[in-house]
N, C-alpha and C. Protein backbone atom coordinates (compact mmCIF):
# COMPACT_ATOMS: atom_id res chain seq x y z
N MET A 1 10.39 23.14 31.72
CA MET A 1 11.45 22.15 31.71
C MET A 1 11.96 21.97 30.28
N LYS A 2 13.22 21.57 30.19
CA LYS A 2 13.88 21.39 28.90
C LYS A 2 14.63 20.07 28.90
N TYR A 3 15.28 19.81 27.80
CA TYR A 3 16.13 18.63 27.70
C TYR A 3 17.59 18.98 27.95
N PHE A 4 17.85 20.24 28.25
CA PHE A 4 19.21 20.66 28.58
C PHE A 4 19.14 21.90 29.46
N VAL A 5 20.16 22.07 30.29
CA VAL A 5 20.36 23.30 31.05
C VAL A 5 21.82 23.68 30.91
N LEU A 6 22.07 24.96 30.76
CA LEU A 6 23.42 25.46 30.56
C LEU A 6 23.68 26.63 31.47
N GLU A 7 24.93 26.82 31.81
CA GLU A 7 25.34 28.00 32.55
C GLU A 7 26.74 28.37 32.09
N ASN A 8 26.88 29.58 31.54
CA ASN A 8 28.17 30.05 31.07
C ASN A 8 29.00 30.59 32.22
N ILE A 9 30.32 30.51 32.06
CA ILE A 9 31.23 31.07 33.06
C ILE A 9 31.10 32.59 33.08
N ASP A 10 31.10 33.18 31.91
CA ASP A 10 30.87 34.62 31.78
C ASP A 10 30.39 34.91 30.37
N ARG A 11 30.09 36.15 30.09
CA ARG A 11 29.55 36.50 28.77
C ARG A 11 30.63 36.63 27.70
N LYS A 12 31.88 36.74 28.10
CA LYS A 12 32.97 36.92 27.15
C LYS A 12 33.36 35.62 26.46
N ARG A 13 33.32 34.53 27.22
CA ARG A 13 33.79 33.25 26.69
C ARG A 13 32.59 32.32 26.49
N ASN A 14 32.68 31.49 25.49
CA ASN A 14 31.61 30.54 25.21
C ASN A 14 31.92 29.21 25.86
N LEU A 15 32.13 29.24 27.19
CA LEU A 15 32.34 27.99 27.92
C LEU A 15 31.55 28.00 29.21
N GLY A 16 31.35 26.80 29.72
CA GLY A 16 30.61 26.66 30.96
C GLY A 16 30.27 25.19 31.18
N SER A 17 29.26 24.95 31.99
CA SER A 17 28.82 23.59 32.28
C SER A 17 27.39 23.40 31.79
N GLY A 18 27.09 22.18 31.42
CA GLY A 18 25.74 21.89 30.95
C GLY A 18 25.35 20.46 31.23
N ILE A 19 24.05 20.26 31.23
CA ILE A 19 23.49 18.92 31.40
C ILE A 19 22.55 18.70 30.23
N PHE A 20 22.78 17.64 29.49
CA PHE A 20 21.93 17.26 28.36
C PHE A 20 21.35 15.89 28.65
N SER A 21 20.08 15.72 28.35
CA SER A 21 19.42 14.45 28.66
C SER A 21 18.36 14.15 27.61
N LYS A 22 18.09 12.88 27.40
CA LYS A 22 16.99 12.52 26.51
C LYS A 22 15.65 12.64 27.24
N TYR A 23 15.73 12.88 28.57
CA TYR A 23 14.53 13.11 29.39
C TYR A 23 14.53 14.56 29.84
N LEU A 24 13.39 15.02 30.32
CA LEU A 24 13.28 16.40 30.78
C LEU A 24 14.20 16.62 31.98
N VAL A 25 14.86 17.78 31.99
CA VAL A 25 15.76 18.12 33.10
C VAL A 25 15.42 19.53 33.57
N GLU A 26 15.37 19.69 34.88
CA GLU A 26 15.10 20.99 35.49
C GLU A 26 16.31 21.41 36.30
N LYS A 27 16.74 22.65 36.11
CA LYS A 27 17.91 23.16 36.83
C LYS A 27 17.59 23.23 38.32
N VAL A 28 18.55 22.80 39.14
CA VAL A 28 18.46 22.90 40.59
C VAL A 28 19.56 23.86 41.02
N GLU A 29 19.20 24.88 41.78
CA GLU A 29 20.21 25.86 42.21
C GLU A 29 21.24 25.19 43.09
N PHE A 30 22.49 25.49 42.82
CA PHE A 30 23.62 24.93 43.56
C PHE A 30 24.33 26.12 44.18
N GLY A 31 24.19 26.30 45.48
CA GLY A 31 24.78 27.47 46.14
C GLY A 31 26.28 27.44 46.09
N ASN A 32 26.87 28.21 45.18
CA ASN A 32 28.32 28.22 45.08
C ASN A 32 28.80 29.52 44.46
N ASN A 33 30.10 29.70 44.50
CA ASN A 33 30.73 30.87 43.89
C ASN A 33 31.42 30.51 42.58
N TYR A 34 31.01 29.42 41.99
CA TYR A 34 31.66 28.93 40.77
C TYR A 34 30.65 28.86 39.64
N SER A 35 29.94 29.95 39.42
CA SER A 35 28.93 29.99 38.37
C SER A 35 29.56 29.62 37.03
N GLY A 36 28.94 28.70 36.33
CA GLY A 36 29.45 28.24 35.06
C GLY A 36 30.37 27.04 35.17
N TYR A 37 30.99 26.88 36.32
CA TYR A 37 31.84 25.72 36.54
C TYR A 37 31.03 24.55 37.08
N VAL A 38 29.92 24.86 37.77
CA VAL A 38 29.09 23.84 38.38
C VAL A 38 27.64 24.11 38.04
N ILE A 39 26.93 23.06 37.62
CA ILE A 39 25.49 23.17 37.39
C ILE A 39 24.86 21.85 37.83
N SER A 40 23.69 21.94 38.42
CA SER A 40 23.01 20.73 38.86
C SER A 40 21.59 20.74 38.33
N GLY A 41 21.04 19.56 38.19
CA GLY A 41 19.68 19.45 37.68
C GLY A 41 19.03 18.17 38.15
N GLU A 42 17.73 18.10 37.92
CA GLU A 42 16.97 16.90 38.25
C GLU A 42 16.34 16.38 36.97
N VAL A 43 16.68 15.16 36.61
CA VAL A 43 16.18 14.54 35.39
C VAL A 43 14.93 13.73 35.73
N SER A 44 13.86 13.97 34.98
CA SER A 44 12.59 13.26 35.18
C SER A 44 12.53 12.08 34.22
N ILE A 45 12.74 10.89 34.75
CA ILE A 45 12.70 9.67 33.94
C ILE A 45 11.33 9.02 34.14
N PRO A 46 10.56 8.84 33.08
CA PRO A 46 9.23 8.27 33.23
C PRO A 46 9.25 6.90 33.92
N ASN A 47 8.32 6.69 34.83
CA ASN A 47 8.16 5.43 35.58
C ASN A 47 9.36 5.08 36.45
N VAL A 48 10.21 6.05 36.73
CA VAL A 48 11.39 5.86 37.58
C VAL A 48 11.51 7.09 38.48
N SER A 49 12.18 6.96 39.59
CA SER A 49 12.42 8.12 40.45
C SER A 49 13.24 9.16 39.70
N ASN A 50 13.09 10.43 40.11
CA ASN A 50 13.91 11.48 39.52
C ASN A 50 15.37 11.28 39.90
N LEU A 51 16.26 11.76 39.04
CA LEU A 51 17.69 11.57 39.23
C LEU A 51 18.35 12.94 39.31
N THR A 52 19.09 13.20 40.39
CA THR A 52 19.84 14.45 40.51
C THR A 52 21.20 14.25 39.85
N VAL A 53 21.55 15.19 38.97
CA VAL A 53 22.82 15.10 38.24
C VAL A 53 23.59 16.41 38.41
N ILE A 54 24.90 16.30 38.36
CA ILE A 54 25.76 17.47 38.51
C ILE A 54 26.84 17.41 37.43
N SER A 55 27.08 18.56 36.81
CA SER A 55 28.17 18.69 35.86
C SER A 55 29.12 19.74 36.43
N LEU A 56 30.39 19.40 36.49
CA LEU A 56 31.33 20.39 37.00
C LEU A 56 32.69 20.24 36.35
N HIS A 57 33.36 21.34 36.30
CA HIS A 57 34.79 21.34 36.01
C HIS A 57 35.37 22.46 36.86
N ALA A 58 36.60 22.34 37.19
CA ALA A 58 37.20 23.28 38.14
C ALA A 58 38.22 24.17 37.44
N PRO A 59 38.28 25.43 37.86
CA PRO A 59 39.33 26.29 37.33
C PRO A 59 40.69 25.83 37.82
N LEU A 60 41.72 26.14 37.09
CA LEU A 60 43.07 25.77 37.50
C LEU A 60 43.66 26.83 38.42
N GLU A 61 44.33 26.38 39.45
CA GLU A 61 45.12 27.25 40.32
C GLU A 61 46.51 26.64 40.40
N ASP A 62 47.50 27.38 39.98
CA ASP A 62 48.88 26.89 39.95
C ASP A 62 48.97 25.58 39.16
N GLN A 63 48.26 25.49 38.07
CA GLN A 63 48.22 24.34 37.16
C GLN A 63 47.55 23.10 37.74
N TYR A 64 46.82 23.26 38.84
CA TYR A 64 46.11 22.13 39.45
C TYR A 64 44.64 22.51 39.67
N SER A 65 43.78 21.51 39.62
CA SER A 65 42.35 21.77 39.87
C SER A 65 41.88 21.22 41.21
N ILE A 66 42.74 20.54 41.96
CA ILE A 66 42.31 19.88 43.19
C ILE A 66 41.86 20.88 44.27
N ILE A 67 42.53 22.01 44.38
CA ILE A 67 42.15 22.99 45.41
C ILE A 67 40.75 23.55 45.13
N PRO A 68 40.46 24.02 43.91
CA PRO A 68 39.09 24.47 43.64
C PRO A 68 38.05 23.35 43.80
N LEU A 69 38.40 22.11 43.44
CA LEU A 69 37.46 21.00 43.63
C LEU A 69 37.15 20.79 45.11
N HIS A 70 38.16 20.89 45.95
CA HIS A 70 37.93 20.78 47.40
C HIS A 70 36.99 21.89 47.87
N ARG A 71 37.21 23.11 47.39
CA ARG A 71 36.35 24.23 47.78
C ARG A 71 34.91 23.99 47.33
N ILE A 72 34.75 23.52 46.10
CA ILE A 72 33.40 23.27 45.58
C ILE A 72 32.68 22.23 46.41
N PHE A 73 33.36 21.11 46.72
CA PHE A 73 32.71 20.02 47.43
C PHE A 73 32.55 20.28 48.93
N SER A 74 33.45 21.03 49.55
CA SER A 74 33.37 21.19 51.00
C SER A 74 32.48 22.35 51.42
N ALA A 75 32.42 23.40 50.65
CA ALA A 75 31.70 24.60 51.09
C ALA A 75 30.31 24.74 50.47
N ASP A 76 30.10 24.17 49.32
CA ASP A 76 28.86 24.41 48.59
C ASP A 76 27.88 23.27 48.76
N LYS A 77 26.62 23.63 48.88
CA LYS A 77 25.57 22.64 49.07
C LYS A 77 24.40 22.95 48.15
N LEU A 78 23.60 21.93 47.85
CA LEU A 78 22.39 22.16 47.08
C LEU A 78 21.44 23.03 47.90
N VAL A 79 20.83 23.99 47.25
CA VAL A 79 19.89 24.89 47.90
C VAL A 79 18.49 24.32 47.70
N SER A 80 17.73 24.19 48.79
CA SER A 80 16.37 23.65 48.64
C SER A 80 15.35 24.76 48.52
């Protein structure tokens, strides 16, 4: 476990999604086709229940991000 988890969109560009926490965070696989745009994790907070967190940003399609956001939220689920 670490205090951050990162996932790049691709190797060419230095962008992607990440989760940073002052508590330990473990990456949780998020079944999707948007690698680097979406990352999820579970933060371990001492003496408190674990917290599931998600960081996402959507690619633009025709200058809008709403269509990819709908795809991310409707089709993709956390993998157990």
